[in-house]
Amino acid sequence: MNVLLVYAHPEPTSLNGSLRDFSVQRLQAAGHTVQVSDLYAMNWKTTLDADDAPERDTTKPFHASLDSKVAYAEGSQAADIAREQEKLQWADTLILQFPMWWFSMPAILKGWVERVYAYGFAYGVGEHSDSRWGERYGEGKMQGKRAMLMVTTGGWESHYASRGINGPMDDLLFPIQHGILYYPGFEVVPPFVVYRTSRMDEARYAETCEELGRRLDELWSTRPIAFRQQNAGDYEIPALTLKDDVAPGSEGFAAHMR
């Protein structure tokens, strides 16, 4: 299998750096081919702007989505964007690895998503009609590929429990797992989360690597998160709300899980 690991941490000698190296070695030892996009080492440009469509019509205002659509279709995108898109097309599995900063991913990784997910590449694809609303949420160009998050956080696991002060981890990751990964078609397996990173001694690090190794070994056999497909009959189209007889009484993120 081909694995793309997109890594977002500024310090190579950090816990994240060590877990990245462990993951690459484990996957390669199992016979997989791995590419790493180390965003800080690449000095990745975070902001989506007019420079990403260098051949756009400069007499008109910059339009982030429509200009990205034209640039993608015409092959005139910024070169760094095109390279990352090629990696995504090559990959069978995508791993996004990052520390949780302020309840989300670091800005540099969000910028990777915003720039690489061009209109026509990751969204805005497929038929829009009274029966379908594009190829997304279970369909799309990433259909048939898998994805997983590797997340570290300084908070305790109890802080992210169902009644924890920070809110449930599954809820915090929902916009990433459902909105960034499932939206363009990835099958999303449950995340690998390391809590209380400031209390990492050698024994706990060994346990963490053992658990991570198992998750990597089972990456292609693990049952994915059961998100509902958009065009499979659960949603009213074009309103894109759940039908009355689907998960009655359920609201919020949980309603969009089978």
Protein backbone atom coordinates (compact mmCIF):
# COMPACT_ATOMS: atom_id res chain seq x y z
CA MET A 1 0.00 0.00 0.00
CA ASN A 2 1.01 3.60 -0.54
CA VAL A 3 0.77 5.82 2.55
CA LEU A 4 0.96 9.61 2.65
CA LEU A 5 1.71 11.00 6.11
CA VAL A 6 1.10 14.74 6.37
CA TYR A 7 3.00 15.90 9.44
CA ALA A 8 2.46 19.22 11.22
CA HIS A 9 4.82 19.87 14.13
CA PRO A 10 7.62 22.45 14.18
CA GLU A 11 10.11 20.46 16.29
CA PRO A 12 11.72 17.32 14.78
CA THR A 13 12.88 16.05 18.21
CA SER A 14 9.41 16.30 19.75
CA LEU A 15 7.18 13.40 20.74
CA ASN A 16 5.37 13.92 17.46
CA GLY A 17 8.65 13.69 15.57
CA SER A 18 9.48 10.43 17.29
CA LEU A 19 6.04 8.96 16.59
CA ARG A 20 6.32 10.03 12.96
CA ASP A 21 9.65 8.22 12.61
CA PHE A 22 8.26 5.15 14.36
CA SER A 23 5.24 5.12 12.02
CA VAL A 24 7.33 5.38 8.88
CA GLN A 25 9.63 2.57 10.01
CA ARG A 26 6.73 0.33 11.04
CA LEU A 27 4.88 0.82 7.76
CA GLN A 28 8.00 0.30 5.66
CA ALA A 29 8.92 -2.83 7.59
CA ALA A 30 5.49 -4.20 6.70
CA GLY A 31 6.21 -3.62 3.01
CA HIS A 32 4.31 -0.38 2.49
CA THR A 33 5.64 2.64 0.59
CA VAL A 34 5.54 5.89 2.57
CA GLN A 35 5.82 9.53 1.63
CA VAL A 36 5.98 12.24 4.32
CA SER A 37 4.89 15.81 3.77
CA ASP A 38 6.64 17.57 6.67
CA LEU A 39 4.87 20.92 6.42
CA TYR A 40 7.19 22.93 8.65
CA ALA A 41 10.32 21.51 7.01
CA MET A 42 8.75 22.30 3.62
CA ASN A 43 8.04 25.86 4.78
CA TRP A 44 4.52 25.25 3.54
CA LYS A 45 2.65 28.39 2.52
CA THR A 46 -0.37 28.47 4.78
CA THR A 47 -2.63 31.06 3.20
CA LEU A 48 -4.87 30.46 0.20
CA ASP A 49 -4.61 33.58 -1.96
CA ALA A 50 -4.33 34.86 -5.51
CA ASP A 51 -0.74 33.59 -5.83
CA ASP A 52 -2.14 30.05 -5.91
CA ALA A 53 -3.73 30.78 -9.31
CA PRO A 54 -0.84 32.58 -11.05
CA GLU A 55 -2.58 32.72 -14.44
CA ARG A 56 -5.90 34.09 -13.17
CA ASP A 57 -7.58 37.13 -14.69
CA THR A 58 -6.11 39.92 -12.57
CA THR A 59 -8.71 42.41 -13.81
CA LYS A 60 -11.28 40.63 -11.64
CA PRO A 61 -11.42 40.21 -7.85
CA PHE A 62 -9.83 37.05 -6.49
CA HIS A 63 -12.42 34.35 -5.83
CA ALA A 64 -10.91 31.55 -3.75
CA SER A 65 -13.06 28.67 -4.96
CA LEU A 66 -13.71 29.67 -8.57
CA ASP A 67 -10.11 30.68 -9.25
CA SER A 68 -8.92 27.38 -7.75
CA LYS A 69 -11.41 25.58 -10.04
CA VAL A 70 -9.98 27.20 -13.15
CA ALA A 71 -6.37 26.74 -12.04
CA TYR A 72 -6.94 23.05 -11.28
CA ALA A 73 -8.79 22.40 -14.53
CA GLU A 74 -6.19 24.21 -16.63
CA GLY A 75 -3.17 22.83 -14.81
CA SER A 76 -2.00 26.29 -13.80
CA GLN A 77 -2.01 25.89 -9.99
CA ALA A 78 0.94 26.80 -7.82
CA ALA A 79 3.52 24.01 -8.11
CA ASP A 80 3.46 23.05 -4.41
CA ILE A 81 -0.31 22.49 -4.56
CA ALA A 82 -0.04 20.27 -7.63
CA ARG A 83 2.68 18.15 -5.96
CA GLU A 84 0.53 17.48 -2.90
CA GLN A 85 -2.45 16.60 -5.06
CA GLU A 86 -0.29 14.09 -6.92
CA LYS A 87 0.69 12.54 -3.58
CA LEU A 88 -2.98 12.25 -2.59
CA GLN A 89 -3.84 10.58 -5.88
CA TRP A 90 -0.91 8.19 -5.39
CA ALA A 91 -1.80 7.29 -1.80
CA ASP A 92 -4.04 4.43 -0.73
CA THR A 93 -4.10 5.84 2.80
CA LEU A 94 -3.70 9.33 4.24
CA ILE A 95 -2.51 9.96 7.79
CA LEU A 96 -2.77 13.47 9.22
CA GLN A 97 -0.49 13.82 12.24
CA PHE A 98 -0.66 16.89 14.45
CA PRO A 99 -0.76 18.22 18.02
CA MET A 100 -4.16 19.53 19.05
CA TRP A 101 -3.72 23.28 19.44
CA TRP A 102 -6.70 25.29 20.64
CA PHE A 103 -9.12 22.45 19.97
CA SER A 104 -8.12 21.93 16.35
CA MET A 105 -5.23 21.32 13.97
CA PRO A 106 -2.31 23.76 13.63
CA ALA A 107 -2.85 26.56 11.12
CA ILE A 108 -0.20 25.17 8.77
CA LEU A 109 -2.16 21.93 8.36
CA LYS A 110 -5.44 23.77 7.88
CA GLY A 111 -3.64 25.76 5.20
CA TRP A 112 -2.55 22.52 3.54
CA VAL A 113 -6.19 21.45 3.34
CA GLU A 114 -7.43 24.82 2.09
CA ARG A 115 -4.85 25.02 -0.68
CA VAL A 116 -4.64 21.37 -1.76
CA TYR A 117 -8.40 20.73 -1.70
CA ALA A 118 -9.07 22.67 -4.90
CA TYR A 119 -12.52 23.03 -6.45
CA GLY A 120 -12.89 20.11 -8.86
CA PHE A 121 -10.28 18.08 -7.01
CA ALA A 122 -11.74 17.56 -3.53
CA TYR A 123 -15.11 19.28 -3.86
CA GLY A 124 -17.52 20.60 -6.45
CA VAL A 125 -17.56 17.26 -8.28
CA GLY A 126 -20.42 15.15 -9.55
CA GLU A 127 -24.06 15.59 -10.53
CA HIS A 128 -26.20 18.15 -8.72
CA SER A 129 -29.88 17.32 -9.18
CA ASP A 130 -33.11 16.56 -7.31
CA SER A 131 -31.76 13.13 -6.41
CA ARG A 132 -28.03 13.80 -5.88
CA TRP A 133 -26.05 16.72 -4.52
CA GLY A 134 -22.62 16.11 -5.88
CA GLU A 135 -20.16 13.35 -5.04
CA ARG A 136 -19.33 13.97 -1.40
CA TYR A 137 -19.80 12.50 2.10
CA GLY A 138 -18.94 8.95 1.16
CA GLU A 139 -18.28 9.56 -2.52
CA GLY A 140 -15.82 11.71 -4.42
CA LYS A 141 -12.31 11.46 -5.80
CA MET A 142 -10.90 9.94 -2.60
CA GLN A 143 -13.41 7.09 -2.56
CA GLY A 144 -11.65 3.77 -2.05
CA LYS A 145 -8.89 5.35 0.03
CA ARG A 146 -8.52 5.32 3.81
CA ALA A 147 -7.58 8.03 6.28
CA MET A 148 -6.63 8.26 9.94
CA LEU A 149 -5.76 11.04 12.37
CA MET A 150 -2.77 10.83 14.73
CA VAL A 151 -3.34 13.43 17.44
CA THR A 152 -1.45 14.43 20.56
CA THR A 153 -2.75 16.62 23.35
CA GLY A 154 -1.54 17.76 26.74
CA GLY A 155 -4.95 17.29 28.32
CA TRP A 156 -5.95 14.20 30.25
CA GLU A 157 -8.17 11.62 28.59
CA SER A 158 -10.86 12.39 31.17
CA HIS A 159 -10.84 16.04 30.03
CA TYR A 160 -12.08 14.81 26.64
CA ALA A 161 -14.58 12.25 27.93
CA SER A 162 -18.33 12.47 27.26
CA ARG A 163 -18.73 14.74 30.32
CA GLY A 164 -15.21 16.20 30.30
CA ILE A 165 -14.59 19.94 30.45
CA ASN A 166 -13.07 20.09 26.94
CA GLY A 167 -15.90 18.21 25.29
CA PRO A 168 -15.78 14.71 23.80
CA MET A 169 -12.77 14.09 21.59
CA ASP A 170 -15.01 12.54 18.93
CA ASP A 171 -16.99 15.79 18.75
CA LEU A 172 -13.87 17.95 18.53
CA LEU A 173 -12.51 15.81 15.70
CA PHE A 174 -15.84 15.53 13.85
CA PRO A 175 -15.23 18.58 11.61
CA ILE A 176 -11.90 17.08 10.54
CA GLN A 177 -12.93 13.44 10.23
CA HIS A 178 -16.36 14.05 8.69
CA GLY A 179 -15.84 17.41 7.01
CA ILE A 180 -12.26 17.18 5.72
CA LEU A 181 -11.77 13.43 5.27
CA TYR A 182 -15.17 11.81 4.71
CA TYR A 183 -16.44 14.72 2.58
CA PRO A 184 -14.17 13.93 -0.42
CA GLY A 185 -14.70 10.19 -0.01
CA PHE A 186 -12.10 8.77 2.39
CA GLU A 187 -13.08 5.86 4.62
CA VAL A 188 -12.07 7.22 8.03
CA VAL A 189 -10.82 4.82 10.68
CA PRO A 190 -10.95 5.81 14.36
CA PRO A 191 -8.19 8.23 15.39
CA PHE A 192 -5.05 7.41 17.33
CA VAL A 193 -4.93 9.90 20.20
CA VAL A 194 -2.15 10.36 22.75
CA TYR A 195 -3.23 12.23 25.89
CA ARG A 196 -1.26 13.97 28.65
CA THR A 197 1.88 14.25 26.55
CA SER A 198 3.83 16.10 29.24
CA ARG A 199 3.80 12.94 31.34
CA MET A 200 5.53 10.71 28.81
CA ASP A 201 8.26 8.56 30.38
CA GLU A 202 10.11 5.67 28.73
CA ALA A 203 7.65 3.03 29.90
CA ARG A 204 4.62 4.95 28.68
CA TYR A 205 6.37 5.78 25.41
CA ALA A 206 6.99 2.08 24.82
CA GLU A 207 3.31 1.34 25.51
CA THR A 208 2.28 4.15 23.15
CA CYS A 209 4.46 2.80 20.35
CA GLU A 210 3.14 -0.71 20.90
CA GLU A 211 -0.44 0.52 20.61
CA LEU A 212 0.38 2.70 17.59
CA GLY A 213 2.12 -0.24 15.94
CA ARG A 214 -1.02 -2.35 16.29
CA ARG A 215 -3.16 0.42 14.81
CA LEU A 216 -0.81 0.76 11.83
CA ASP A 217 -0.72 -3.00 11.31
CA GLU A 218 -4.54 -3.04 11.25
CA LEU A 219 -4.96 0.15 9.23
CA TRP A 220 -6.57 -1.64 6.28
CA SER A 221 -8.70 -4.07 8.29
CA THR A 222 -10.07 -1.71 10.96
CA ARG A 223 -13.77 -0.98 10.53
CA PRO A 224 -14.18 2.67 9.49
CA ILE A 225 -16.32 5.19 11.35
CA ALA A 226 -19.93 4.64 10.26
CA PHE A 227 -20.74 8.06 8.86
CA ARG A 228 -23.95 8.29 6.83
CA GLN A 229 -23.60 8.60 3.07
CA GLN A 230 -25.17 11.71 1.63
CA ASN A 231 -26.70 10.11 -1.47
CA ALA A 232 -27.74 6.77 0.02
CA GLY A 233 -31.28 7.81 0.99
CA ASP A 234 -30.92 9.13 4.54
CA TYR A 235 -31.05 12.81 3.58
CA GLU A 236 -33.65 15.02 1.97
CA ILE A 237 -32.18 16.57 -1.18
CA PRO A 238 -31.53 19.42 -1.76
CA ALA A 239 -32.19 20.45 1.88
CA LEU A 240 -29.59 17.87 3.04
CA THR A 241 -31.31 17.28 6.36
CA LEU A 242 -31.96 13.81 7.71
CA LYS A 243 -35.33 12.36 6.79
CA ASP A 244 -37.85 12.26 9.62
CA ASP A 245 -37.68 8.48 9.93
CA VAL A 246 -33.87 8.41 10.15
CA ALA A 247 -32.49 8.54 13.69
CA PRO A 248 -35.65 10.14 15.13
CA GLY A 249 -34.97 12.25 18.20
CA SER A 250 -31.23 12.34 17.50
CA GLU A 251 -29.52 15.66 16.79
CA GLY A 252 -26.04 17.06 16.39
CA PHE A 253 -22.98 15.11 15.26
CA ALA A 254 -24.26 11.74 16.51
CA ALA A 255 -27.22 11.85 14.15
CA HIS A 256 -24.87 11.57 11.18
CA MET A 257 -23.48 8.23 12.34
CA ARG A 258 -25.14 4.96 11.40
